């Protein structure tokens, strides 16, 4: 058995001011991409978050990643800005696009995979 992918959320910061803000993430194995699994996982995650006191969801996407940006746009995320060279992985600086989604944003319909 292997894991095909995951979607998760966590509190953005520990301070009380951020109690209604979560950071979300989705990750898929290479063989799982392009089959609608990311959409299904996010639909399930946002369905669960609808029952929680969440006002805004944030997502940081390491660039380049056109597929992840498209997935987040489909779920109503808007681009906020880029953190340039803010992290290092495998000896290279990474930039990250940050996006946000307000709780009142509609989920894509079931026909949108």
C-alpha atoms as a PDB file:
ATOM      1  CA  UNK A   1       0.000   0.000   0.000  1.00  0.00           C
ATOM      2  CA  UNK A   2       1.263   3.495  -0.800  1.00  0.00           C
ATOM      3  CA  UNK A   3       0.078   7.014  -0.102  1.00  0.00           C
ATOM      4  CA  UNK A   4      -1.210   8.762  -3.241  1.00  0.00           C
ATOM      5  CA  UNK A   5      -1.526  12.207  -1.711  1.00  0.00           C
ATOM      6  CA  UNK A   6      -2.699  14.297   1.209  1.00  0.00           C
ATOM      7  CA  UNK A   7      -4.450  17.555   2.053  1.00  0.00           C
ATOM      8  CA  UNK A   8      -4.102  19.209   5.424  1.00  0.00           C
ATOM      9  CA  UNK A   9      -4.633  22.409   7.354  1.00  0.00           C
ATOM     10  CA  UNK A  10      -2.983  23.891  10.382  1.00  0.00           C
ATOM     11  CA  UNK A  11      -3.361  27.038  12.390  1.00  0.00           C
ATOM     12  CA  UNK A  12      -1.371  29.787  10.661  1.00  0.00           C
ATOM     13  CA  UNK A  13       0.199  31.205  13.840  1.00  0.00           C
ATOM     14  CA  UNK A  14      -0.204  30.583  17.548  1.00  0.00           C
ATOM     15  CA  UNK A  15      -1.278  34.132  18.445  1.00  0.00           C
ATOM     16  CA  UNK A  16      -4.978  34.635  19.183  1.00  0.00           C
ATOM     17  CA  UNK A  17      -5.238  37.256  16.412  1.00  0.00           C
ATOM     18  CA  UNK A  18      -4.842  34.418  13.874  1.00  0.00           C
ATOM     19  CA  UNK A  19      -7.395  32.036  15.443  1.00  0.00           C
ATOM     20  CA  UNK A  20      -9.576  32.120  12.297  1.00  0.00           C
ATOM     21  CA  UNK A  21      -6.682  31.738   9.829  1.00  0.00           C
ATOM     22  CA  UNK A  22      -5.385  28.398   8.595  1.00  0.00           C
ATOM     23  CA  UNK A  23      -2.625  27.421   6.223  1.00  0.00           C
ATOM     24  CA  UNK A  24      -3.561  24.628   3.834  1.00  0.00           C
ATOM     25  CA  UNK A  25      -1.464  22.294   1.768  1.00  0.00           C
ATOM     26  CA  UNK A  26      -1.970  19.520  -0.743  1.00  0.00           C
ATOM     27  CA  UNK A  27       0.674  17.084  -1.908  1.00  0.00           C
ATOM     28  CA  UNK A  28       0.505  14.351  -4.507  1.00  0.00           C
ATOM     29  CA  UNK A  29       2.842  11.574  -5.521  1.00  0.00           C
ATOM     30  CA  UNK A  30       4.231  11.927  -9.045  1.00  0.00           C
ATOM     31  CA  UNK A  31       2.005   9.123 -10.393  1.00  0.00           C
ATOM     32  CA  UNK A  32      -1.096  10.659  -8.797  1.00  0.00           C
ATOM     33  CA  UNK A  33      -0.932  14.027 -10.541  1.00  0.00           C
ATOM     34  CA  UNK A  34      -3.319  15.043 -13.287  1.00  0.00           C
ATOM     35  CA  UNK A  35      -6.133  12.656 -12.332  1.00  0.00           C
ATOM     36  CA  UNK A  36      -8.327  14.923 -10.181  1.00  0.00           C
ATOM     37  CA  UNK A  37      -7.021  13.639  -6.851  1.00  0.00           C
ATOM     38  CA  UNK A  38      -5.883  17.098  -5.694  1.00  0.00           C
ATOM     39  CA  UNK A  39      -9.361  18.459  -6.416  1.00  0.00           C
ATOM     40  CA  UNK A  40     -11.004  15.601  -4.511  1.00  0.00           C
ATOM     41  CA  UNK A  41      -8.696  16.029  -1.526  1.00  0.00           C
ATOM     42  CA  UNK A  42      -9.201  19.801  -1.364  1.00  0.00           C
ATOM     43  CA  UNK A  43     -12.973  19.417  -1.768  1.00  0.00           C
ATOM     44  CA  UNK A  44     -12.973  17.077   1.251  1.00  0.00           C
ATOM     45  CA  UNK A  45     -10.688  19.355   3.280  1.00  0.00           C
ATOM     46  CA  UNK A  46     -12.724  22.487   2.594  1.00  0.00           C
ATOM     47  CA  UNK A  47     -15.890  20.573   3.372  1.00  0.00           C
ATOM     48  CA  UNK A  48     -14.478  19.837   6.822  1.00  0.00           C
ATOM     49  CA  UNK A  49     -13.209  23.394   7.283  1.00  0.00           C
ATOM     50  CA  UNK A  50     -16.713  24.703   6.534  1.00  0.00           C
ATOM     51  CA  UNK A  51     -17.700  23.363   9.966  1.00  0.00           C
ATOM     52  CA  UNK A  52     -14.843  25.209  11.689  1.00  0.00           C
ATOM     53  CA  UNK A  53     -14.489  28.891  12.654  1.00  0.00           C
ATOM     54  CA  UNK A  54     -12.193  29.656   9.713  1.00  0.00           C
ATOM     55  CA  UNK A  55     -12.326  33.051   8.027  1.00  0.00           C
ATOM     56  CA  UNK A  56      -9.365  32.738   5.642  1.00  0.00           C
ATOM     57  CA  UNK A  57      -7.144  29.974   4.282  1.00  0.00           C
ATOM     58  CA  UNK A  58      -3.602  30.706   3.139  1.00  0.00           C
ATOM     59  CA  UNK A  59      -1.369  28.661   0.856  1.00  0.00           C
ATOM     60  CA  UNK A  60       2.314  29.073   0.049  1.00  0.00           C
ATOM     61  CA  UNK A  61       3.339  27.470  -3.248  1.00  0.00           C
ATOM     62  CA  UNK A  62       7.006  26.923  -4.072  1.00  0.00           C
ATOM     63  CA  UNK A  63       7.672  28.244  -7.566  1.00  0.00           C
ATOM     64  CA  UNK A  64       7.464  27.217 -10.301  1.00  0.00           C
ATOM     65  CA  UNK A  65       4.365  25.042  -9.901  1.00  0.00           C
ATOM     66  CA  UNK A  66       1.716  25.906 -12.491  1.00  0.00           C
ATOM     67  CA  UNK A  67      -0.462  22.903 -11.593  1.00  0.00           C
ATOM     68  CA  UNK A  68      -0.699  23.876  -7.922  1.00  0.00           C
ATOM     69  CA  UNK A  69      -1.402  27.515  -8.765  1.00  0.00           C
ATOM     70  CA  UNK A  70      -4.214  26.387 -11.108  1.00  0.00           C
ATOM     71  CA  UNK A  71      -5.672  24.088  -8.422  1.00  0.00           C
ATOM     72  CA  UNK A  72      -5.704  26.880  -5.868  1.00  0.00           C
ATOM     73  CA  UNK A  73      -7.307  29.309  -8.337  1.00  0.00           C
ATOM     74  CA  UNK A  74     -10.015  26.706  -9.016  1.00  0.00           C
ATOM     75  CA  UNK A  75     -10.788  26.734  -5.283  1.00  0.00           C
ATOM     76  CA  UNK A  76     -11.103  30.512  -5.210  1.00  0.00           C
ATOM     77  CA  UNK A  77      -7.642  31.435  -3.991  1.00  0.00           C
ATOM     78  CA  UNK A  78      -6.309  34.845  -5.034  1.00  0.00           C
ATOM     79  CA  UNK A  79      -2.642  35.690  -5.448  1.00  0.00           C
ATOM     80  CA  UNK A  80      -1.329  37.919  -2.674  1.00  0.00           C
ATOM     81  CA  UNK A  81       2.393  38.154  -3.368  1.00  0.00           C
ATOM     82  CA  UNK A  82       5.711  36.377  -3.687  1.00  0.00           C
ATOM     83  CA  UNK A  83       8.309  35.757  -1.007  1.00  0.00           C
ATOM     84  CA  UNK A  84      11.514  35.869  -3.039  1.00  0.00           C
ATOM     85  CA  UNK A  85      14.344  33.472  -2.112  1.00  0.00           C
ATOM     86  CA  UNK A  86      12.973  32.960   1.399  1.00  0.00           C
ATOM     87  CA  UNK A  87      13.989  29.309   1.820  1.00  0.00           C
ATOM     88  CA  UNK A  88      16.776  26.959   0.778  1.00  0.00           C
ATOM     89  CA  UNK A  89      16.267  23.436  -0.545  1.00  0.00           C
ATOM     90  CA  UNK A  90      19.004  21.266  -2.014  1.00  0.00           C
ATOM     91  CA  UNK A  91      21.357  24.238  -1.901  1.00  0.00           C
ATOM     92  CA  UNK A  92      19.068  26.492  -3.974  1.00  0.00           C
ATOM     93  CA  UNK A  93      16.951  29.430  -2.915  1.00  0.00           C
ATOM     94  CA  UNK A  94      13.201  29.018  -3.318  1.00  0.00           C
ATOM     95  CA  UNK A  95      10.573  31.637  -3.953  1.00  0.00           C
ATOM     96  CA  UNK A  96       6.967  31.090  -2.931  1.00  0.00           C
ATOM     97  CA  UNK A  97       3.696  32.470  -4.236  1.00  0.00           C
ATOM     98  CA  UNK A  98       1.253  33.169  -1.423  1.00  0.00           C
ATOM     99  CA  UNK A  99      -2.464  32.910  -2.056  1.00  0.00           C
ATOM    100  CA  UNK A 100      -5.547  33.351   0.124  1.00  0.00           C
ATOM    101  CA  UNK A 101      -9.143  32.196   0.071  1.00  0.00           C
ATOM    102  CA  UNK A 102     -11.908  33.791   2.123  1.00  0.00           C
ATOM    103  CA  UNK A 103     -14.284  31.372   3.830  1.00  0.00           C
ATOM    104  CA  UNK A 104     -17.264  32.683   1.880  1.00  0.00           C
ATOM    105  CA  UNK A 105     -15.718  31.598  -1.449  1.00  0.00           C
ATOM    106  CA  UNK A 106     -17.697  28.873  -3.220  1.00  0.00           C
ATOM    107  CA  UNK A 107     -16.194  25.469  -3.840  1.00  0.00           C
ATOM    108  CA  UNK A 108     -15.944  24.234  -7.428  1.00  0.00           C
ATOM    109  CA  UNK A 109     -18.811  21.964  -8.470  1.00  0.00           C
ATOM    110  CA  UNK A 110     -18.470  18.173  -8.612  1.00  0.00           C
ATOM    111  CA  UNK A 111     -18.199  18.325 -12.409  1.00  0.00           C
ATOM    112  CA  UNK A 112     -14.923  20.278 -12.089  1.00  0.00           C
ATOM    113  CA  UNK A 113     -12.220  17.687 -11.445  1.00  0.00           C
END
